[in-house]
Amino acid sequence: MAKLPEFTSKNFENEVLNSDQPVLVDFSATWCGPCKQLAPIVQDYASDNASTMKVGKIDIDQAQDIAMRYMVMSVPTLMLFKNGKPVEKTSGFMPKKKLAKAFDKHLG
């Protein structure tokens, strides 16, 4: 399974805000246990939806400006962007079924 692309302060606007397809952003941190647990679930979800959305990670410690702009108060936080705007946000660990329920309604 391919590693998710990394979003940074430098590429966020181009990769996320200017994307022509929905983008799911996994806000996480290297020190975060629940983030590590959620990572393979997000990766699996990304594989399932590769034709309809883009999925990537952002390290909140490396991109504090982005985390502050979108008021990410805890990690893991997943945020779906459509047309450059956040349309759905979840926080904490969740099984794939719950993740899909939160985000699938915005696809297609």
PDB file of N, CA and C in Angstrom:
ATOM      1  N   MET A   1       0.840  -1.186   0.000  1.00  0.00           N
ATOM      2  CA  MET A   1       0.000   0.000   0.000  1.00  0.00           C
ATOM      3  C   MET A   1       0.883   1.246   0.000  1.00  0.00           C
ATOM      4  N   ALA A   2       0.609   2.135  -0.901  1.00  0.00           N
ATOM      5  CA  ALA A   2       1.416   3.354  -1.024  1.00  0.00           C
ATOM      6  C   ALA A   2       1.192   4.276   0.166  1.00  0.00           C
ATOM      7  N   LYS A   3       2.249   4.967   0.527  1.00  0.00           N
ATOM      8  CA  LYS A   3       2.180   5.919   1.627  1.00  0.00           C
ATOM      9  C   LYS A   3       1.370   7.146   1.189  1.00  0.00           C
ATOM     10  N   LEU A   4       0.588   7.699   2.117  1.00  0.00           N
ATOM     11  CA  LEU A   4      -0.200   8.891   1.795  1.00  0.00           C
ATOM     12  C   LEU A   4       0.719  10.077   1.541  1.00  0.00           C
ATOM     13  N   PRO A   5       0.352  10.949   0.598  1.00  0.00           N
ATOM     14  CA  PRO A   5       1.167  12.139   0.366  1.00  0.00           C
ATOM     15  C   PRO A   5       1.156  13.060   1.579  1.00  0.00           C
ATOM     16  N   GLU A   6       2.241  13.791   1.742  1.00  0.00           N
ATOM     17  CA  GLU A   6       2.365  14.745   2.850  1.00  0.00           C
ATOM     18  C   GLU A   6       1.978  16.131   2.362  1.00  0.00           C
ATOM     19  N   PHE A   7       1.065  16.760   3.067  1.00  0.00           N
ATOM     20  CA  PHE A   7       0.742  18.157   2.807  1.00  0.00           C
ATOM     21  C   PHE A   7       1.566  19.002   3.774  1.00  0.00           C
ATOM     22  N   THR A   8       2.015  20.143   3.301  1.00  0.00           N
ATOM     23  CA  THR A   8       2.844  21.039   4.100  1.00  0.00           C
ATOM     24  C   THR A   8       2.307  22.461   3.962  1.00  0.00           C
ATOM     25  N   SER A   9       2.878  23.368   4.719  1.00  0.00           N
ATOM     26  CA  SER A   9       2.500  24.780   4.592  1.00  0.00           C
ATOM     27  C   SER A   9       2.769  25.286   3.179  1.00  0.00           C
ATOM     28  N   LYS A  10       3.802  24.731   2.536  1.00  0.00           N
ATOM     29  CA  LYS A  10       4.175  25.181   1.189  1.00  0.00           C
ATOM     30  C   LYS A  10       3.256  24.651   0.099  1.00  0.00           C
ATOM     31  N   ASN A  11       2.766  23.414   0.243  1.00  0.00           N
ATOM     32  CA  ASN A  11       1.962  22.850  -0.844  1.00  0.00           C
ATOM     33  C   ASN A  11       0.464  22.769  -0.536  1.00  0.00           C
ATOM     34  N   PHE A  12       0.046  23.180   0.649  1.00  0.00           N
ATOM     35  CA  PHE A  12      -1.353  23.036   1.068  1.00  0.00           C
ATOM     36  C   PHE A  12      -2.321  23.738   0.122  1.00  0.00           C
ATOM     37  N   GLU A  13      -2.015  24.960  -0.240  1.00  0.00           N
ATOM     38  CA  GLU A  13      -2.935  25.706  -1.107  1.00  0.00           C
ATOM     39  C   GLU A  13      -3.112  24.993  -2.446  1.00  0.00           C
ATOM     40  N   ASN A  14      -2.007  24.589  -3.060  1.00  0.00           N
ATOM     41  CA  ASN A  14      -2.073  23.930  -4.352  1.00  0.00           C
ATOM     42  C   ASN A  14      -2.701  22.537  -4.269  1.00  0.00           C
ATOM     43  N   GLU A  15      -2.274  21.740  -3.305  1.00  0.00           N
ATOM     44  CA  GLU A  15      -2.712  20.344  -3.206  1.00  0.00           C
ATOM     45  C   GLU A  15      -4.130  20.187  -2.651  1.00  0.00           C
ATOM     46  N   VAL A  16      -4.525  21.082  -1.746  1.00  0.00           N
ATOM     47  CA  VAL A  16      -5.815  20.929  -1.066  1.00  0.00           C
ATOM     48  C   VAL A  16      -6.826  21.981  -1.526  1.00  0.00           C
ATOM     49  N   LEU A  17      -6.495  23.231  -1.329  1.00  0.00           N
ATOM     50  CA  LEU A  17      -7.464  24.298  -1.597  1.00  0.00           C
ATOM     51  C   LEU A  17      -7.778  24.453  -3.080  1.00  0.00           C
ATOM     52  N   ASN A  18      -6.804  24.203  -3.954  1.00  0.00           N
ATOM     53  CA  ASN A  18      -7.015  24.350  -5.393  1.00  0.00           C
ATOM     54  C   ASN A  18      -7.304  23.032  -6.101  1.00  0.00           C
ATOM     55  N   SER A  19      -7.525  21.973  -5.350  1.00  0.00           N
ATOM     56  CA  SER A  19      -7.785  20.667  -5.954  1.00  0.00           C
ATOM     57  C   SER A  19      -9.151  20.652  -6.632  1.00  0.00           C
ATOM     58  N   ASP A  20      -9.231  19.959  -7.759  1.00  0.00           N
ATOM     59  CA  ASP A  20     -10.512  19.847  -8.463  1.00  0.00           C
ATOM     60  C   ASP A  20     -11.339  18.661  -7.968  1.00  0.00           C
ATOM     61  N   GLN A  21     -10.821  17.939  -6.979  1.00  0.00           N
ATOM     62  CA  GLN A  21     -11.586  16.852  -6.375  1.00  0.00           C
ATOM     63  C   GLN A  21     -11.549  17.017  -4.854  1.00  0.00           C
ATOM     64  N   PRO A  22     -12.478  16.372  -4.138  1.00  0.00           N
ATOM     65  CA  PRO A  22     -12.456  16.465  -2.674  1.00  0.00           C
ATOM     66  C   PRO A  22     -11.118  15.959  -2.121  1.00  0.00           C
ATOM     67  N   VAL A  23     -10.679  16.573  -1.023  1.00  0.00           N
ATOM     68  CA  VAL A  23      -9.412  16.186  -0.392  1.00  0.00           C
ATOM     69  C   VAL A  23      -9.655  15.930   1.092  1.00  0.00           C
ATOM     70  N   LEU A  24      -9.317  14.729   1.530  1.00  0.00           N
ATOM     71  CA  LEU A  24      -9.387  14.383   2.944  1.00  0.00           C
ATOM     72  C   LEU A  24      -8.007  14.597   3.546  1.00  0.00           C
ATOM     73  N   VAL A  25      -7.941  15.454   4.554  1.00  0.00           N
ATOM     74  CA  VAL A  25      -6.666  15.771   5.206  1.00  0.00           C
ATOM     75  C   VAL A  25      -6.649  15.132   6.579  1.00  0.00           C
ATOM     76  N   ASP A  26      -5.616  14.345   6.830  1.00  0.00           N
ATOM     77  CA  ASP A  26      -5.403  13.699   8.121  1.00  0.00           C
ATOM     78  C   ASP A  26      -4.416  14.562   8.903  1.00  0.00           C
ATOM     79  N   PHE A  27      -4.945  15.352   9.837  1.00  0.00           N
ATOM     80  CA  PHE A  27      -4.095  16.170  10.711  1.00  0.00           C
ATOM     81  C   PHE A  27      -3.605  15.252  11.824  1.00  0.00           C
ATOM     82  N   SER A  28      -2.277  15.087  11.924  1.00  0.00           N
ATOM     83  CA  SER A  28      -1.715  14.164  12.902  1.00  0.00           C
ATOM     84  C   SER A  28      -0.383  14.682  13.422  1.00  0.00           C
ATOM     85  N   ALA A  29       0.216  13.890  14.308  1.00  0.00           N
ATOM     86  CA  ALA A  29       1.530  14.231  14.867  1.00  0.00           C
ATOM     87  C   ALA A  29       2.304  12.936  15.095  1.00  0.00           C
ATOM     88  N   THR A  30       3.604  13.015  14.999  1.00  0.00           N
ATOM     89  CA  THR A  30       4.437  11.811  15.140  1.00  0.00           C
ATOM     90  C   THR A  30       4.341  11.203  16.535  1.00  0.00           C
ATOM     91  N   TRP A  31       4.063  12.018  17.550  1.00  0.00           N
ATOM     92  CA  TRP A  31       3.996  11.566  18.942  1.00  0.00           C
ATOM     93  C   TRP A  31       2.618  11.048  19.348  1.00  0.00           C
ATOM     94  N   CYS A  32       1.659  11.082  18.445  1.00  0.00           N
ATOM     95  CA  CYS A  32       0.257  10.783  18.751  1.00  0.00           C
ATOM     96  C   CYS A  32      -0.067   9.305  18.539  1.00  0.00           C
ATOM     97  N   GLY A  33      -0.350   8.589  19.622  1.00  0.00           N
ATOM     98  CA  GLY A  33      -0.707   7.168  19.542  1.00  0.00           C
ATOM     99  C   GLY A  33      -1.968   6.898  18.726  1.00  0.00           C
ATOM    100  N   PRO A  34      -3.088   7.596  19.026  1.00  0.00           N
ATOM    101  CA  PRO A  34      -4.295   7.366  18.233  1.00  0.00           C
ATOM    102  C   PRO A  34      -4.107   7.682  16.742  1.00  0.00           C
ATOM    103  N   CYS A  35      -3.212   8.634  16.426  1.00  0.00           N
ATOM    104  CA  CYS A  35      -2.919   8.943  15.019  1.00  0.00           C
ATOM    105  C   CYS A  35      -2.306   7.727  14.334  1.00  0.00           C
ATOM    106  N   LYS A  36      -1.405   7.054  15.043  1.00  0.00           N
ATOM    107  CA  LYS A  36      -0.754   5.865  14.488  1.00  0.00           C
ATOM    108  C   LYS A  36      -1.760   4.739  14.299  1.00  0.00           C
ATOM    109  N   GLN A  37      -2.730   4.640  15.209  1.00  0.00           N
ATOM    110  CA  GLN A  37      -3.772   3.617  15.077  1.00  0.00           C
ATOM    111  C   GLN A  37      -4.700   3.919  13.907  1.00  0.00           C
ATOM    112  N   LEU A  38      -4.995   5.190  13.695  1.00  0.00           N
ATOM    113  CA  LEU A  38      -5.921   5.594  12.641  1.00  0.00           C
ATOM    114  C   LEU A  38      -5.279   5.542  11.253  1.00  0.00           C
ATOM    115  N   ALA A  39      -3.965   5.700  11.179  1.00  0.00           N
ATOM    116  CA  ALA A  39      -3.266   5.791   9.888  1.00  0.00           C
ATOM    117  C   ALA A  39      -3.605   4.660   8.909  1.00  0.00           C
ATOM    118  N   PRO A  40      -3.556   3.381   9.326  1.00  0.00           N
ATOM    119  CA  PRO A  40      -3.869   2.332   8.352  1.00  0.00           C
ATOM    120  C   PRO A  40      -5.340   2.343   7.910  1.00  0.00           C
ATOM    121  N   ILE A  41      -6.225   2.816   8.771  1.00  0.00           N
ATOM    122  CA  ILE A  41      -7.645   2.918   8.416  1.00  0.00           C
ATOM    123  C   ILE A  41      -7.827   4.001   7.358  1.00  0.00           C
ATOM    124  N   VAL A  42      -7.176   5.142   7.557  1.00  0.00           N
ATOM    125  CA  VAL A  42      -7.246   6.227   6.579  1.00  0.00           C
ATOM    126  C   VAL A  42      -6.627   5.772   5.256  1.00  0.00           C
ATOM    127  N   GLN A  43      -5.532   5.062   5.335  1.00  0.00           N
ATOM    128  CA  GLN A  43      -4.862   4.550   4.138  1.00  0.00           C
ATOM    129  C   GLN A  43      -5.787   3.605   3.351  1.00  0.00           C
ATOM    130  N   ASP A  44      -6.459   2.730   4.073  1.00  0.00           N
ATOM    131  CA  ASP A  44      -7.390   1.785   3.461  1.00  0.00           C
ATOM    132  C   ASP A  44      -8.559   2.535   2.823  1.00  0.00           C
ATOM    133  N   TYR A  45      -9.086   3.520   3.521  1.00  0.00           N
ATOM    134  CA  TYR A  45     -10.178   4.349   2.995  1.00  0.00           C
ATOM    135  C   TYR A  45      -9.721   5.099   1.738  1.00  0.00           C
ATOM    136  N   ALA A  46      -8.496   5.603   1.763  1.00  0.00           N
ATOM    137  CA  ALA A  46      -7.935   6.300   0.601  1.00  0.00           C
ATOM    138  C   ALA A  46      -7.869   5.366  -0.600  1.00  0.00           C
ATOM    139  N   SER A  47      -7.442   4.131  -0.386  1.00  0.00           N
ATOM    140  CA  SER A  47      -7.372   3.147  -1.477  1.00  0.00           C
ATOM    141  C   SER A  47      -8.750   2.869  -2.052  1.00  0.00           C
ATOM    142  N   ASP A  48      -9.744   2.748  -1.173  1.00  0.00           N
ATOM    143  CA  ASP A  48     -11.113   2.473  -1.606  1.00  0.00           C
ATOM    144  C   ASP A  48     -11.686   3.615  -2.444  1.00  0.00           C
ATOM    145  N   ASN A  49     -11.247   4.835  -2.190  1.00  0.00           N
ATOM    146  CA  ASN A  49     -11.828   6.016  -2.829  1.00  0.00           C
ATOM    147  C   ASN A  49     -10.855   6.763  -3.738  1.00  0.00           C
ATOM    148  N   ALA A  50      -9.830   6.080  -4.199  1.00  0.00           N
ATOM    149  CA  ALA A  50      -8.775   6.720  -4.991  1.00  0.00           C
ATOM    150  C   ALA A  50      -9.297   7.413  -6.248  1.00  0.00           C
ATOM    151  N   SER A  51     -10.396   6.924  -6.807  1.00  0.00           N
ATOM    152  CA  SER A  51     -10.902   7.526  -8.037  1.00  0.00           C
ATOM    153  C   SER A  51     -11.781   8.753  -7.790  1.00  0.00           C
ATOM    154  N   THR A  52     -12.225   8.959  -6.554  1.00  0.00           N
ATOM    155  CA  THR A  52     -13.153  10.069  -6.280  1.00  0.00           C
ATOM    156  C   THR A  52     -12.607  11.146  -5.361  1.00  0.00           C
ATOM    157  N   MET A  53     -11.473  10.881  -4.720  1.00  0.00           N
ATOM    158  CA  MET A  53     -10.923  11.871  -3.800  1.00  0.00           C
ATOM    159  C   MET A  53      -9.422  11.721  -3.656  1.00  0.00           C
ATOM    160  N   LYS A  54      -8.808  12.759  -3.113  1.00  0.00           N
ATOM    161  CA  LYS A  54      -7.392  12.749  -2.776  1.00  0.00           C
ATOM    162  C   LYS A  54      -7.313  12.684  -1.250  1.00  0.00           C
ATOM    163  N   VAL A  55      -6.348  11.953  -0.725  1.00  0.00           N
ATOM    164  CA  VAL A  55      -6.163  11.840   0.724  1.00  0.00           C
ATOM    165  C   VAL A  55      -4.697  12.068   1.038  1.00  0.00           C
ATOM    166  N   GLY A  56      -4.426  12.855   2.075  1.00  0.00           N
ATOM    167  CA  GLY A  56      -3.050  13.100   2.487  1.00  0.00           C
ATOM    168  C   GLY A  56      -2.973  13.455   3.955  1.00  0.00           C
ATOM    169  N   LYS A  57      -1.744  13.494   4.443  1.00  0.00           N
ATOM    170  CA  LYS A  57      -1.491  13.779   5.859  1.00  0.00           C
ATOM    171  C   LYS A  57      -0.819  15.130   6.015  1.00  0.00           C
ATOM    172  N   ILE A  58      -1.049  15.729   7.186  1.00  0.00           N
ATOM    173  CA  ILE A  58      -0.322  16.944   7.521  1.00  0.00           C
ATOM    174  C   ILE A  58       0.115  16.832   8.970  1.00  0.00           C
ATOM    175  N   ASP A  59       1.393  17.064   9.217  1.00  0.00           N
ATOM    176  CA  ASP A  59       1.956  17.017  10.568  1.00  0.00           C
ATOM    177  C   ASP A  59       1.717  18.381  11.219  1.00  0.00           C
ATOM    178  N   ILE A  60       0.909  18.395  12.270  1.00  0.00           N
ATOM    179  CA  ILE A  60       0.547  19.678  12.881  1.00  0.00           C
ATOM    180  C   ILE A  60       1.743  20.399  13.501  1.00  0.00           C
ATOM    181  N   ASP A  61       2.767  19.651  13.866  1.00  0.00           N
ATOM    182  CA  ASP A  61       3.961  20.292  14.429  1.00  0.00           C
ATOM    183  C   ASP A  61       4.792  20.982  13.353  1.00  0.00           C
ATOM    184  N   GLN A  62       4.723  20.471  12.127  1.00  0.00           N
ATOM    185  CA  GLN A  62       5.463  21.051  11.017  1.00  0.00           C
ATOM    186  C   GLN A  62       4.663  22.128  10.281  1.00  0.00           C
ATOM    187  N   ALA A  63       3.350  22.107  10.453  1.00  0.00           N
ATOM    188  CA  ALA A  63       2.475  23.061   9.763  1.00  0.00           C
ATOM    189  C   ALA A  63       1.491  23.668  10.765  1.00  0.00           C
ATOM    190  N   GLN A  64       2.041  24.290  11.789  1.00  0.00           N
ATOM    191  CA  GLN A  64       1.203  24.873  12.842  1.00  0.00           C
ATOM    192  C   GLN A  64       0.273  25.946  12.283  1.00  0.00           C
ATOM    193  N   ASP A  65       0.712  26.660  11.266  1.00  0.00           N
ATOM    194  CA  ASP A  65      -0.123  27.704  10.667  1.00  0.00           C
ATOM    195  C   ASP A  65      -1.410  27.120  10.082  1.00  0.00           C
ATOM    196  N   ILE A  66      -1.305  25.978   9.430  1.00  0.00           N
ATOM    197  CA  ILE A  66      -2.485  25.331   8.841  1.00  0.00           C
ATOM    198  C   ILE A  66      -3.393  24.808   9.957  1.00  0.00           C
ATOM    199  N   ALA A  67      -2.817  24.152  10.951  1.00  0.00           N
ATOM    200  CA  ALA A  67      -3.601  23.623  12.073  1.00  0.00           C
ATOM    201  C   ALA A  67      -4.344  24.751  12.786  1.00  0.00           C
ATOM    202  N   MET A  68      -3.699  25.878  12.980  1.00  0.00           N
ATOM    203  CA  MET A  68      -4.351  27.016  13.639  1.00  0.00           C
ATOM    204  C   MET A  68      -5.436  27.604  12.747  1.00  0.00           C
ATOM    205  N   ARG A  69      -5.174  27.730  11.468  1.00  0.00           N
ATOM    206  CA  ARG A  69      -6.156  28.316  10.538  1.00  0.00           C
ATOM    207  C   ARG A  69      -7.470  27.538  10.550  1.00  0.00           C
ATOM    208  N   TYR A  70      -7.369  26.201  10.669  1.00  0.00           N
ATOM    209  CA  TYR A  70      -8.570  25.364  10.641  1.00  0.00           C
ATOM    210  C   TYR A  70      -8.977  24.878  12.032  1.00  0.00           C
ATOM    211  N   MET A  71      -8.451  25.524  13.053  1.00  0.00           N
ATOM    212  CA  MET A  71      -8.806  25.270  14.451  1.00  0.00           C
ATOM    213  C   MET A  71      -8.745  23.789  14.830  1.00  0.00           C
ATOM    214  N   VAL A  72      -7.645  23.152  14.472  1.00  0.00           N
ATOM    215  CA  VAL A  72      -7.418  21.766  14.855  1.00  0.00           C
ATOM    216  C   VAL A  72      -6.923  21.781  16.298  1.00  0.00           C
ATOM    217  N   MET A  73      -7.790  21.347  17.208  1.00  0.00           N
ATOM    218  CA  MET A  73      -7.498  21.417  18.637  1.00  0.00           C
ATOM    219  C   MET A  73      -6.971  20.105  19.202  1.00  0.00           C
ATOM    220  N   SER A  74      -7.207  19.006  18.480  1.00  0.00           N
ATOM    221  CA  SER A  74      -6.720  17.710  18.935  1.00  0.00           C
ATOM    222  C   SER A  74      -6.397  16.850  17.717  1.00  0.00           C
ATOM    223  N   VAL A  75      -5.576  15.863  17.925  1.00  0.00           N
ATOM    224  CA  VAL A  75      -5.236  14.931  16.857  1.00  0.00           C
ATOM    225  C   VAL A  75      -5.549  13.513  17.318  1.00  0.00           C
ATOM    226  N   PRO A  76      -5.922  12.646  16.409  1.00  0.00           N
ATOM    227  CA  PRO A  76      -6.102  12.898  14.989  1.00  0.00           C
ATOM    228  C   PRO A  76      -7.386  13.675  14.694  1.00  0.00           C
ATOM    229  N   THR A  77      -7.307  14.532  13.698  1.00  0.00           N
ATOM    230  CA  THR A  77      -8.474  15.215  13.148  1.00  0.00           C
ATOM    231  C   THR A  77      -8.472  14.970  11.655  1.00  0.00           C
ATOM    232  N   LEU A  78      -9.620  14.589  11.137  1.00  0.00           N
ATOM    233  CA  LEU A  78      -9.790  14.410   9.695  1.00  0.00           C
ATOM    234  C   LEU A  78     -10.700  15.517   9.210  1.00  0.00           C
ATOM    235  N   MET A  79     -10.306  16.158   8.111  1.00  0.00           N
ATOM    236  CA  MET A  79     -11.106  17.245   7.553  1.00  0.00           C
ATOM    237  C   MET A  79     -11.209  17.049   6.045  1.00  0.00           C
ATOM    238  N   LEU A  80     -12.446  17.106   5.546  1.00  0.00           N
ATOM    239  CA  LEU A  80     -12.671  16.975   4.115  1.00  0.00           C
ATOM    240  C   LEU A  80     -12.891  18.352   3.520  1.00  0.00           C
ATOM    241  N   PHE A  81     -12.115  18.656   2.488  1.00  0.00           N
ATOM    242  CA  PHE A  81     -12.217  19.927   1.768  1.00  0.00           C
ATOM    243  C   PHE A  81     -12.843  19.670   0.406  1.00  0.00           C
ATOM    244  N   LYS A  82     -13.809  20.505   0.041  1.00  0.00           N
ATOM    245  CA  LYS A  82     -14.404  20.490  -1.305  1.00  0.00           C
ATOM    246  C   LYS A  82     -14.398  21.916  -1.807  1.00  0.00           C
ATOM    247  N   ASN A  83     -13.916  22.095  -3.031  1.00  0.00           N
ATOM    248  CA  ASN A  83     -13.847  23.431  -3.627  1.00  0.00           C
ATOM    249  C   ASN A  83     -13.126  24.431  -2.714  1.00  0.00           C
ATOM    250  N   GLY A  84     -12.075  23.958  -2.050  1.00  0.00           N
ATOM    251  CA  GLY A  84     -11.251  24.826  -1.214  1.00  0.00           C
ATOM    252  C   GLY A  84     -11.807  25.145   0.154  1.00  0.00           C
ATOM    253  N   LYS A  85     -12.943  24.529   0.521  1.00  0.00           N
ATOM    254  CA  LYS A  85     -13.577  24.823   1.806  1.00  0.00           C
ATOM    255  C   LYS A  85     -13.761  23.538   2.615  1.00  0.00           C
ATOM    256  N   PRO A  86     -13.558  23.613   3.945  1.00  0.00           N
ATOM    257  CA  PRO A  86     -13.819  22.429   4.766  1.00  0.00           C
ATOM    258  C   PRO A  86     -15.327  22.167   4.848  1.00  0.00           C
ATOM    259  N   VAL A  87     -15.724  20.912   4.597  1.00  0.00           N
ATOM    260  CA  VAL A  87     -17.149  20.567   4.625  1.00  0.00           C
ATOM    261  C   VAL A  87     -17.487  19.534   5.694  1.00  0.00           C
ATOM    262  N   GLU A  88     -16.492  18.865   6.243  1.00  0.00           N
ATOM    263  CA  GLU A  88     -16.726  17.862   7.287  1.00  0.00           C
ATOM    264  C   GLU A  88     -15.464  17.725   8.112  1.00  0.00           C
ATOM    265  N   LYS A  89     -15.651  17.535   9.428  1.00  0.00           N
ATOM    266  CA  LYS A  89     -14.502  17.430  10.342  1.00  0.00           C
ATOM    267  C   LYS A  89     -14.834  16.418  11.426  1.00  0.00           C
ATOM    268  N   THR A  90     -13.898  15.520  11.692  1.00  0.00           N
ATOM    269  CA  THR A  90     -14.041  14.571  12.787  1.00  0.00           C
ATOM    270  C   THR A  90     -12.747  14.577  13.588  1.00  0.00           C
ATOM    271  N   SER A  91     -12.843  14.205  14.854  1.00  0.00           N
ATOM    272  CA  SER A  91     -11.653  14.118  15.707  1.00  0.00           C
ATOM    273  C   SER A  91     -11.664  12.795  16.454  1.00  0.00           C
ATOM    274  N   GLY A  92     -10.466  12.284  16.694  1.00  0.00           N
ATOM    275  CA  GLY A  92     -10.316  11.047  17.460  1.00  0.00           C
ATOM    276  C   GLY A  92     -10.281   9.813  16.574  1.00  0.00           C
ATOM    277  N   PHE A  93      -9.917   8.710  17.212  1.00  0.00           N
ATOM    278  CA  PHE A  93      -9.860   7.427  16.513  1.00  0.00           C
ATOM    279  C   PHE A  93     -11.271   6.963  16.184  1.00  0.00           C
ATOM    280  N   MET A  94     -11.443   6.323  15.029  1.00  0.00           N
ATOM    281  CA  MET A  94     -12.734   5.740  14.667  1.00  0.00           C
ATOM    282  C   MET A  94     -12.508   4.569  13.730  1.00  0.00           C
ATOM    283  N   PRO A  95     -13.415   3.596  13.773  1.00  0.00           N
ATOM    284  CA  PRO A  95     -13.307   2.487  12.816  1.00  0.00           C
ATOM    285  C   PRO A  95     -13.634   2.972  11.404  1.00  0.00           C
ATOM    286  N   LYS A  96     -13.237   2.178  10.427  1.00  0.00           N
ATOM    287  CA  LYS A  96     -13.414   2.569   9.026  1.00  0.00           C
ATOM    288  C   LYS A  96     -14.883   2.816   8.681  1.00  0.00           C
ATOM    289  N   LYS A  97     -15.772   2.021   9.225  1.00  0.00           N
ATOM    290  CA  LYS A  97     -17.201   2.170   8.925  1.00  0.00           C
ATOM    291  C   LYS A  97     -17.708   3.555   9.354  1.00  0.00           C
ATOM    292  N   LYS A  98     -17.287   4.010  10.513  1.00  0.00           N
ATOM    293  CA  LYS A  98     -17.697   5.332  11.006  1.00  0.00           C
ATOM    294  C   LYS A  98     -17.047   6.442  10.174  1.00  0.00           C
ATOM    295  N   LEU A  99     -15.793   6.256   9.814  1.00  0.00           N
ATOM    296  CA  LEU A  99     -15.086   7.212   8.965  1.00  0.00           C
ATOM    297  C   LEU A  99     -15.820   7.343   7.624  1.00  0.00           C
ATOM    298  N   ALA A 100     -16.151   6.208   7.023  1.00  0.00           N
ATOM    299  CA  ALA A 100     -16.849   6.225   5.733  1.00  0.00           C
ATOM    300  C   ALA A 100     -18.206   6.900   5.853  1.00  0.00           C
ATOM    301  N   LYS A 101     -18.906   6.648   6.949  1.00  0.00           N
ATOM    302  CA  LYS A 101     -20.228   7.263   7.132  1.00  0.00           C
ATOM    303  C   LYS A 101     -20.115   8.790   7.196  1.00  0.00           C
ATOM    304  N   ALA A 102     -19.071   9.280   7.821  1.00  0.00           N
ATOM    305  CA  ALA A 102     -18.878  10.723   7.957  1.00  0.00           C
ATOM    306  C   ALA A 102     -18.553  11.391   6.626  1.00  0.00           C
ATOM    307  N   PHE A 103     -17.764  10.736   5.788  1.00  0.00           N
ATOM    308  CA  PHE A 103     -17.232  11.383   4.595  1.00  0.00           C
ATOM    309  C   PHE A 103     -17.854  10.960   3.261  1.00  0.00           C
ATOM    310  N   ASP A 104     -18.399   9.756   3.176  1.00  0.00           N
ATOM    311  CA  ASP A 104     -18.947   9.264   1.904  1.00  0.00           C
ATOM    312  C   ASP A 104     -20.064  10.153   1.363  1.00  0.00           C
ATOM    313  N   LYS A 105     -20.841  10.766   2.239  1.00  0.00           N
ATOM    314  CA  LYS A 105     -21.973  11.590   1.793  1.00  0.00           C
ATOM    315  C   LYS A 105     -21.531  12.796   0.973  1.00  0.00           C
ATOM    316  N   HIS A 106     -20.244  13.155   1.044  1.00  0.00           N
ATOM    317  CA  HIS A 106     -19.726  14.303   0.314  1.00  0.00           C
ATOM    318  C   HIS A 106     -19.085  13.918  -1.015  1.00  0.00           C
ATOM    319  N   LEU A 107     -19.052  12.635  -1.321  1.00  0.00           N
ATOM    320  CA  LEU A 107     -18.397  12.164  -2.550  1.00  0.00           C
ATOM    321  C   LEU A 107     -19.418  11.876  -3.632  1.00  0.00           C
ATOM    322  N   GLY A 108     -18.984  11.979  -4.869  1.00  0.00           N
ATOM    323  CA  GLY A 108     -19.798  11.577  -6.002  1.00  0.00           C
ATOM    324  C   GLY A 108     -20.885  12.506  -6.410  1.00  0.00           C
TER     325      GLY A 108
END
